[in-house]
Protein backbone atom coordinates (compact mmCIF):
# COMPACT_ATOMS: atom_id res chain seq x y z
CA MET A 1 -117.00 -281.06 -100.81
CA ARG A 2 -116.71 -283.39 -103.76
CA ARG A 3 -119.37 -286.07 -104.26
CA LEU A 4 -117.68 -289.45 -104.64
CA SER A 5 -118.67 -292.66 -106.37
CA ARG A 6 -119.75 -295.62 -104.23
CA ARG A 7 -116.52 -297.43 -105.10
CA THR A 8 -114.44 -294.43 -104.06
CA ILE A 9 -116.42 -293.96 -100.84
CA PHE A 10 -115.88 -297.62 -100.01
CA ALA A 11 -112.15 -297.23 -100.65
CA LEU A 12 -111.94 -294.12 -98.47
CA VAL A 13 -113.88 -295.78 -95.67
CA LEU A 14 -111.43 -298.68 -95.57
CA LEU A 15 -108.49 -296.29 -95.76
CA ALA A 16 -109.88 -294.18 -92.93
CA VAL A 17 -110.52 -297.25 -90.79
CA ALA A 18 -106.95 -298.43 -91.40
CA VAL A 19 -105.58 -295.05 -90.31
CA PHE A 20 -107.88 -294.93 -87.29
CA PHE A 21 -106.89 -298.31 -85.93
CA LEU A 22 -103.22 -297.53 -86.38
CA VAL A 23 -103.73 -294.81 -83.82
CA LYS A 24 -103.14 -296.62 -80.56
CA GLN A 25 -106.60 -296.98 -79.11
CA PRO A 26 -107.25 -296.71 -75.39
CA THR A 27 -108.67 -299.68 -73.55
CA GLU A 28 -112.28 -299.58 -72.40
CA LYS A 29 -111.14 -298.69 -68.90
CA GLU A 30 -108.96 -295.85 -70.19
CA ALA A 31 -111.72 -294.58 -72.47
CA LYS A 32 -114.17 -294.35 -69.56
CA ARG A 33 -111.63 -292.49 -67.47
CA GLU A 34 -110.27 -290.02 -69.96
CA TYR A 35 -110.22 -290.75 -73.70
CA VAL A 36 -113.35 -290.51 -75.81
CA ARG A 37 -113.85 -291.88 -79.34
CA HIS A 38 -116.32 -290.52 -81.86
CA GLU A 39 -116.88 -291.43 -85.50
CA GLY A 40 -119.32 -290.56 -88.24
CA PHE A 41 -119.81 -289.67 -91.89
CA ALA A 42 -119.19 -286.25 -93.41
CA PHE A 43 -118.10 -284.76 -96.74
CA GLY A 44 -118.66 -288.09 -98.49
CA THR A 45 -116.27 -289.99 -96.23
CA MET A 46 -115.80 -291.40 -92.73
CA TYR A 47 -114.21 -289.55 -89.85
CA HIS A 48 -112.73 -290.88 -86.60
CA ILE A 49 -111.84 -288.72 -83.63
CA THR A 50 -110.15 -289.67 -80.36
CA TYR A 51 -109.62 -287.08 -77.64
CA ALA A 52 -108.73 -286.78 -73.97
CA SER A 53 -111.67 -284.87 -72.58
CA PRO A 54 -111.34 -282.90 -69.34
CA GLU A 55 -113.63 -284.39 -66.73
CA GLY A 56 -114.85 -286.96 -69.25
CA LYS A 57 -116.99 -284.49 -71.21
CA VAL A 58 -118.43 -285.92 -74.44
CA LEU A 59 -118.10 -283.33 -77.18
CA THR A 60 -120.12 -284.98 -79.95
CA GLU A 61 -122.41 -281.98 -80.47
CA ASN A 62 -119.46 -279.59 -80.63
CA ILE A 63 -117.71 -281.75 -83.22
CA GLU A 64 -120.76 -282.22 -85.42
CA ARG A 65 -121.59 -278.52 -85.25
CA ALA A 66 -118.06 -277.66 -86.39
CA LEU A 67 -118.28 -280.09 -89.32
CA ALA A 68 -121.67 -278.69 -90.33
CA GLU A 69 -120.23 -275.16 -90.35
CA VAL A 70 -117.44 -276.22 -92.68
CA ASP A 71 -119.95 -277.89 -94.99
CA SER A 72 -122.19 -274.82 -95.05
CA SER A 73 -119.25 -272.70 -96.13
CA LEU A 74 -117.15 -274.89 -98.47
CA SER A 75 -119.33 -277.64 -99.94
CA MET A 76 -119.68 -277.77 -103.73
CA PHE A 77 -122.80 -279.92 -103.39
CA ASN A 78 -124.79 -278.32 -100.59
CA ARG A 79 -127.08 -275.92 -102.47
CA GLU A 80 -127.28 -273.69 -99.41
CA SER A 81 -123.52 -273.44 -98.93
CA LEU A 82 -121.62 -270.24 -99.53
CA LEU A 83 -119.31 -271.87 -102.09
CA TYR A 84 -122.19 -273.40 -104.06
CA ARG A 85 -123.84 -269.99 -104.29
CA ILE A 86 -120.58 -268.36 -105.40
CA ASN A 87 -120.16 -270.96 -108.13
CA ALA A 88 -123.77 -270.42 -109.18
CA GLY A 89 -123.06 -266.72 -109.71
CA ASP A 90 -124.94 -265.31 -106.72
CA THR A 91 -123.53 -261.78 -106.45
CA THR A 92 -125.15 -261.16 -103.06
CA VAL A 93 -122.81 -263.64 -101.36
CA ARG A 94 -120.12 -262.32 -99.03
CA ALA A 95 -117.22 -264.57 -98.05
CA ASP A 96 -117.30 -265.78 -94.45
CA SER A 97 -114.26 -266.30 -92.20
CA MET A 98 -113.93 -269.99 -93.09
CA PHE A 99 -113.92 -269.32 -96.81
CA MET A 100 -111.35 -266.56 -96.36
CA LYS A 101 -108.99 -268.75 -94.33
CA VAL A 102 -109.09 -271.45 -96.97
CA TRP A 103 -108.90 -268.97 -99.83
CA ARG A 104 -105.85 -267.15 -98.45
CA ARG A 105 -103.98 -270.36 -97.75
CA GLY A 106 -104.96 -271.78 -101.12
CA MET A 107 -103.68 -268.67 -102.90
CA GLN A 108 -100.43 -268.86 -100.95
CA VAL A 109 -99.88 -272.49 -101.98
CA SER A 110 -100.84 -271.65 -105.58
CA ARG A 111 -98.14 -269.00 -105.71
CA THR A 112 -95.41 -271.09 -104.07
CA THR A 113 -96.12 -274.07 -106.34
CA GLY A 114 -96.44 -272.10 -109.56
CA GLY A 115 -100.11 -272.98 -109.92
CA ALA A 116 -99.78 -276.74 -109.34
CA PHE A 117 -102.40 -276.21 -106.66
CA ASP A 118 -105.32 -274.21 -108.03
CA MET A 119 -108.79 -273.96 -106.50
CA THR A 120 -110.23 -272.76 -109.81
CA VAL A 121 -109.65 -276.20 -111.36
CA ALA A 122 -113.34 -277.10 -110.81
CA PRO A 123 -114.41 -276.82 -114.50
CA LEU A 124 -111.74 -279.36 -115.47
CA VAL A 125 -112.57 -281.63 -112.54
CA ASN A 126 -116.19 -281.60 -113.66
CA LEU A 127 -115.24 -282.20 -117.29
CA TRP A 128 -113.32 -285.35 -116.39
CA GLY A 129 -116.12 -286.71 -114.21
CA PHE A 130 -114.57 -286.23 -110.76
CA GLY A 131 -116.73 -283.32 -109.67
CA ILE A 132 -120.36 -282.34 -109.57
CA GLU A 133 -121.16 -283.42 -113.14
CA GLU A 134 -121.36 -286.87 -114.76
CA ARG A 135 -118.46 -287.98 -116.92
CA SER A 136 -118.75 -287.97 -120.69
CA ASP A 137 -116.28 -288.55 -123.52
CA VAL A 138 -113.69 -285.79 -123.34
CA THR A 139 -112.11 -284.30 -126.45
CA ALA A 140 -109.00 -282.16 -126.78
CA ALA A 141 -111.20 -279.32 -128.02
CA GLU A 142 -113.31 -279.50 -124.85
CA VAL A 143 -110.21 -279.43 -122.65
CA ASP A 144 -108.88 -276.38 -124.47
CA SER A 145 -112.26 -274.67 -124.22
CA VAL A 146 -112.64 -275.30 -120.49
CA ARG A 147 -109.03 -274.54 -119.61
CA ARG A 148 -109.54 -270.85 -120.31
CA TYR A 149 -111.71 -270.70 -117.18
CA VAL A 150 -108.95 -272.07 -114.93
CA GLY A 151 -106.34 -269.85 -113.30
CA TYR A 152 -106.06 -268.69 -109.70
CA GLU A 153 -104.82 -265.25 -110.82
CA MET A 154 -108.22 -264.57 -112.42
CA VAL A 155 -110.20 -264.69 -109.15
CA SER A 156 -110.00 -262.32 -106.21
CA VAL A 157 -111.96 -261.31 -103.13
CA ASP A 158 -112.56 -257.60 -102.59
CA GLY A 159 -112.59 -255.71 -99.30
CA GLU A 160 -116.31 -256.36 -98.82
CA GLY A 161 -115.99 -260.11 -99.26
CA ARG A 162 -117.30 -260.31 -102.82
CA VAL A 163 -115.65 -262.93 -105.02
CA ARG A 164 -114.61 -261.41 -108.34
CA LYS A 165 -114.21 -263.78 -111.30
CA ARG A 166 -112.84 -262.78 -114.70
CA TYR A 167 -115.32 -265.15 -116.35
CA PRO A 168 -118.72 -266.12 -114.94
CA GLU A 169 -118.02 -269.72 -116.02
CA MET A 170 -115.21 -269.96 -113.47
CA LYS A 171 -115.87 -272.15 -110.43
CA ILE A 172 -113.99 -272.83 -107.21
CA ASP A 173 -113.23 -276.32 -105.92
CA ALA A 174 -112.09 -276.50 -102.29
CA SER A 175 -112.00 -280.31 -102.18
CA ALA A 176 -108.19 -280.54 -102.16
CA ILE A 177 -107.91 -278.42 -99.03
CA ALA A 178 -111.27 -278.50 -97.24
CA LYS A 179 -110.95 -281.89 -95.50
CA GLY A 180 -107.62 -280.78 -94.06
CA PHE A 181 -109.21 -277.51 -93.00
CA ALA A 182 -112.09 -279.42 -91.38
CA CYS A 183 -109.55 -281.40 -89.33
CA ASP A 184 -108.10 -278.10 -88.13
CA VAL A 185 -111.55 -276.71 -87.29
CA VAL A 186 -112.42 -279.78 -85.20
CA ALA A 187 -109.01 -279.58 -83.53
CA ASP A 188 -109.68 -275.91 -82.66
CA THR A 189 -113.07 -276.93 -81.28
CA LEU A 190 -111.50 -279.57 -79.04
CA ARG A 191 -108.82 -277.19 -77.78
CA ALA A 192 -111.50 -274.60 -76.97
CA GLN A 193 -113.06 -277.22 -74.69
CA GLY A 194 -109.78 -277.83 -72.91
CA CYS A 195 -108.56 -280.87 -74.87
CA THR A 196 -104.80 -280.96 -75.35
CA ALA A 197 -104.52 -284.55 -76.60
CA TYR A 198 -106.47 -285.64 -79.69
CA CYS A 199 -106.32 -287.29 -83.08
CA VAL A 200 -108.79 -285.97 -85.67
CA GLU A 201 -108.96 -288.02 -88.90
CA ILE A 202 -111.29 -287.19 -91.79
CA GLY A 203 -111.01 -289.31 -94.92
CA GLY A 204 -107.33 -290.02 -94.23
CA GLU A 205 -106.32 -286.43 -93.40
CA VAL A 206 -105.16 -286.04 -89.80
CA SER A 207 -104.60 -283.40 -87.15
CA VAL A 208 -103.02 -284.45 -83.85
CA SER A 209 -101.86 -283.05 -80.55
CA GLY A 210 -100.39 -284.53 -77.40
CA VAL A 211 -100.22 -288.24 -76.71
CA ASN A 212 -102.44 -291.29 -76.94
CA ALA A 213 -103.89 -293.16 -73.96
CA GLU A 214 -100.61 -295.01 -73.41
CA GLY A 215 -98.65 -291.78 -73.26
CA GLY A 216 -96.96 -292.29 -76.62
CA ALA A 217 -97.07 -290.56 -79.98
CA TRP A 218 -100.06 -291.04 -82.25
CA ARG A 219 -99.32 -293.66 -84.94
CA ILE A 220 -100.53 -292.63 -88.40
CA GLY A 221 -100.27 -295.04 -91.32
CA ILE A 222 -99.13 -294.32 -94.88
CA ASN A 223 -100.65 -296.83 -97.27
CA LYS A 224 -98.53 -298.60 -99.83
CA PRO A 225 -99.74 -297.11 -103.13
CA VAL A 226 -100.90 -300.28 -104.80
CA GLU A 227 -103.16 -299.42 -107.75
CA ASP A 228 -106.40 -300.82 -106.41
CA SER A 229 -109.67 -299.00 -107.14
CA LEU A 230 -111.67 -301.64 -105.20
CA CYS A 231 -109.50 -301.12 -102.09
CA MET A 232 -108.76 -304.81 -101.59
CA SER A 233 -105.24 -304.04 -100.38
CA ASN A 234 -104.44 -302.01 -97.27
CA GLU A 235 -100.75 -302.81 -96.91
CA LEU A 236 -98.81 -300.11 -95.11
CA GLN A 237 -95.67 -298.51 -96.41
CA ASP A 238 -94.80 -296.84 -93.12
CA VAL A 239 -96.15 -295.59 -89.81
CA VAL A 240 -95.53 -291.99 -88.77
CA LEU A 241 -95.17 -291.02 -85.11
CA MET A 242 -96.73 -287.63 -84.43
CA ARG A 243 -97.44 -285.49 -81.39
CA LYS A 244 -98.36 -282.22 -83.09
CA GLY A 245 -99.52 -280.87 -86.45
CA GLY A 246 -101.33 -282.08 -89.54
CA MET A 247 -100.65 -284.79 -92.09
CA ALA A 248 -102.27 -285.41 -95.47
CA THR A 249 -101.65 -287.91 -98.25
CA SER A 250 -102.62 -287.56 -101.89
CA GLY A 251 -102.39 -290.34 -104.46
CA ASN A 252 -103.92 -291.64 -107.67
CA TYR A 253 -103.82 -295.33 -106.84
CA ARG A 254 -107.46 -295.57 -105.72
CA ASN A 255 -109.49 -292.68 -107.07
CA PHE A 256 -109.36 -293.32 -110.82
CA TYR A 257 -111.39 -294.93 -113.57
CA GLU A 258 -110.56 -296.90 -116.68
CA GLU A 259 -112.07 -296.30 -120.09
CA GLY A 260 -110.99 -297.44 -123.52
CA GLY A 261 -107.91 -299.13 -122.10
CA ARG A 262 -106.71 -295.89 -120.45
CA LYS A 263 -106.62 -294.90 -116.79
CA PHE A 264 -107.78 -291.47 -115.66
CA SER A 265 -106.79 -290.18 -112.22
CA HIS A 266 -108.62 -287.62 -110.10
CA THR A 267 -105.55 -285.36 -109.93
CA ILE A 268 -106.03 -282.83 -112.73
CA ASN A 269 -103.11 -280.70 -113.86
CA PRO A 270 -104.49 -277.13 -114.01
CA LYS A 271 -101.94 -276.17 -116.67
CA THR A 272 -102.46 -279.01 -119.14
CA GLY A 273 -106.10 -279.69 -118.35
CA TYR A 274 -105.51 -283.45 -118.25
CA PRO A 275 -105.43 -286.05 -115.44
CA GLU A 276 -101.89 -286.34 -114.13
CA ARG A 277 -100.06 -289.66 -114.61
CA ARG A 278 -96.50 -288.98 -113.52
CA SER A 279 -94.16 -291.46 -111.83
CA ILE A 280 -95.12 -290.12 -108.40
CA LEU A 281 -97.50 -292.56 -106.70
CA SER A 282 -98.35 -290.73 -103.49
CA ALA A 283 -97.29 -287.64 -101.58
CA THR A 284 -97.57 -287.32 -97.82
CA ILE A 285 -97.05 -283.88 -96.30
CA VAL A 286 -96.66 -282.94 -92.65
CA ALA A 287 -97.20 -279.31 -91.66
CA ASP A 288 -98.22 -277.21 -88.67
CA ASP A 289 -101.84 -277.48 -89.78
CA CYS A 290 -103.69 -280.04 -91.87
CA MET A 291 -105.07 -277.48 -94.31
CA THR A 292 -101.55 -276.65 -95.47
CA ALA A 293 -100.55 -280.32 -95.62
CA ASP A 294 -103.64 -281.14 -97.70
CA ALA A 295 -102.98 -278.44 -100.29
CA TYR A 296 -99.28 -279.22 -100.70
CA ALA A 297 -99.94 -282.97 -100.99
CA THR A 298 -102.19 -282.28 -103.98
CA ALA A 299 -99.65 -279.88 -105.50
CA CYS A 300 -96.89 -282.47 -105.21
CA MET A 301 -98.95 -285.00 -107.18
CA VAL A 302 -99.27 -282.48 -110.00
CA MET A 303 -95.64 -281.35 -109.89
CA GLY A 304 -93.97 -284.75 -110.14
CA VAL A 305 -91.13 -286.32 -108.15
CA ASP A 306 -88.25 -283.90 -108.65
CA SER A 307 -90.33 -280.75 -108.18
CA ALA A 308 -92.12 -282.28 -105.17
CA LYS A 309 -88.78 -283.02 -103.51
CA ALA A 310 -87.58 -279.51 -104.28
CA ILE A 311 -90.64 -277.80 -102.83
CA CYS A 312 -90.37 -279.85 -99.61
CA GLU A 313 -86.72 -278.90 -99.26
CA ARG A 314 -87.32 -275.23 -100.08
CA TYR A 315 -89.93 -274.51 -97.41
CA SER A 316 -89.14 -275.38 -93.80
CA ASP A 317 -92.81 -275.41 -92.76
CA ILE A 318 -93.61 -278.57 -94.75
CA LYS A 319 -92.05 -282.04 -94.63
CA GLY A 320 -92.56 -284.61 -97.36
CA TYR A 321 -92.67 -288.38 -97.83
CA ILE A 322 -92.80 -289.20 -101.55
CA ILE A 323 -93.45 -292.66 -103.01
CA TYR A 324 -92.68 -292.99 -106.70
CA ASP A 325 -91.99 -295.42 -109.50
CA GLU A 326 -88.50 -295.69 -110.93
CA GLY A 327 -87.98 -298.19 -113.69
CA GLY A 328 -90.85 -300.32 -112.50
CA GLU A 329 -89.67 -300.36 -108.86
CA MET A 330 -91.27 -298.51 -105.97
CA ARG A 331 -88.98 -295.98 -104.31
CA THR A 332 -89.41 -293.68 -101.32
CA TRP A 333 -87.94 -290.33 -100.38
CA LYS A 334 -88.30 -288.38 -97.14
CA SER A 335 -87.41 -284.86 -96.10
CA ALA A 336 -84.47 -284.79 -93.69
CA ASP A 337 -86.74 -283.42 -90.95
CA PHE A 338 -89.75 -285.68 -91.63
CA PRO A 339 -91.18 -287.12 -88.37
CA GLU A 340 -89.90 -290.47 -87.09
CA CYS A 341 -91.39 -293.49 -88.83
CA VAL A 342 -91.66 -297.07 -87.59
CA LYS A 343 -92.81 -300.20 -89.30
CA ARG A 344 -96.10 -301.56 -87.98
CA ARG A 345 -95.55 -304.27 -85.39
């Protein structure tokens, strides 16, 4: 998982809290009878989980164990994690089931988006100061030099689980899909314990099932993409009503830095090697699982408005809500089959 700056962590915490409290919370009486709330800190961000537990069982240990397993497989910063060891060139590593699920889905999204989503973008992410390394002045020559180590077609996993890289300098970054995957893993954990109604939110990515304590759909907020790195604004653009599936939003309006009068976003275009600054402001994707939604949301930010609309219309398993700038005015576009939205009351 990507290590974030204090300012970015603060922004994500406020965003996560905003999403969490949009989910209709049960009263104290209801919580004691059926619904349980749990929150904590993982992967450099806050998480909030509400679930209807059979017989009032508290599943804190199950949830935290599931999150720890994801971290031990996919973290870029945990020196004991499988992904860290792969990136460090440890040839004794064999991919585990979690890595393979994420890898296969990531490769699928890479192919369908023409490489807009690419888990090998890590060297560029590091170069621009959004990854594991500190930022330094970036030159065109450095971008060109690093870009040769980026390309999902140049990495594969053999039948014995060994990750094969064309160049040893290549590294894998699962940050744009791993939080969504973690939501799915926690959701699977809850279902295994008999929970059919839950809302799992990790850093703004969400997986839901069933209904809230009032018997209605879970209410998930989409923030208005006001460029605000200090997270002073939490105005909502819309509220999505969901009873099943995953939802993820990607945007450049909070995770960026300014230097020399220029703004650099955390969304790096794997093809150009530069931070993406298109007219698209945020992309929200709904899919059957949050891992898929997370990956496509990132891809849409790289692709731009027209291509993002096209990809959402082409594939029936994803639904999109795109916010973009047109002539200085904020516009929105939704897939025809995007879930029902209501303004916050």
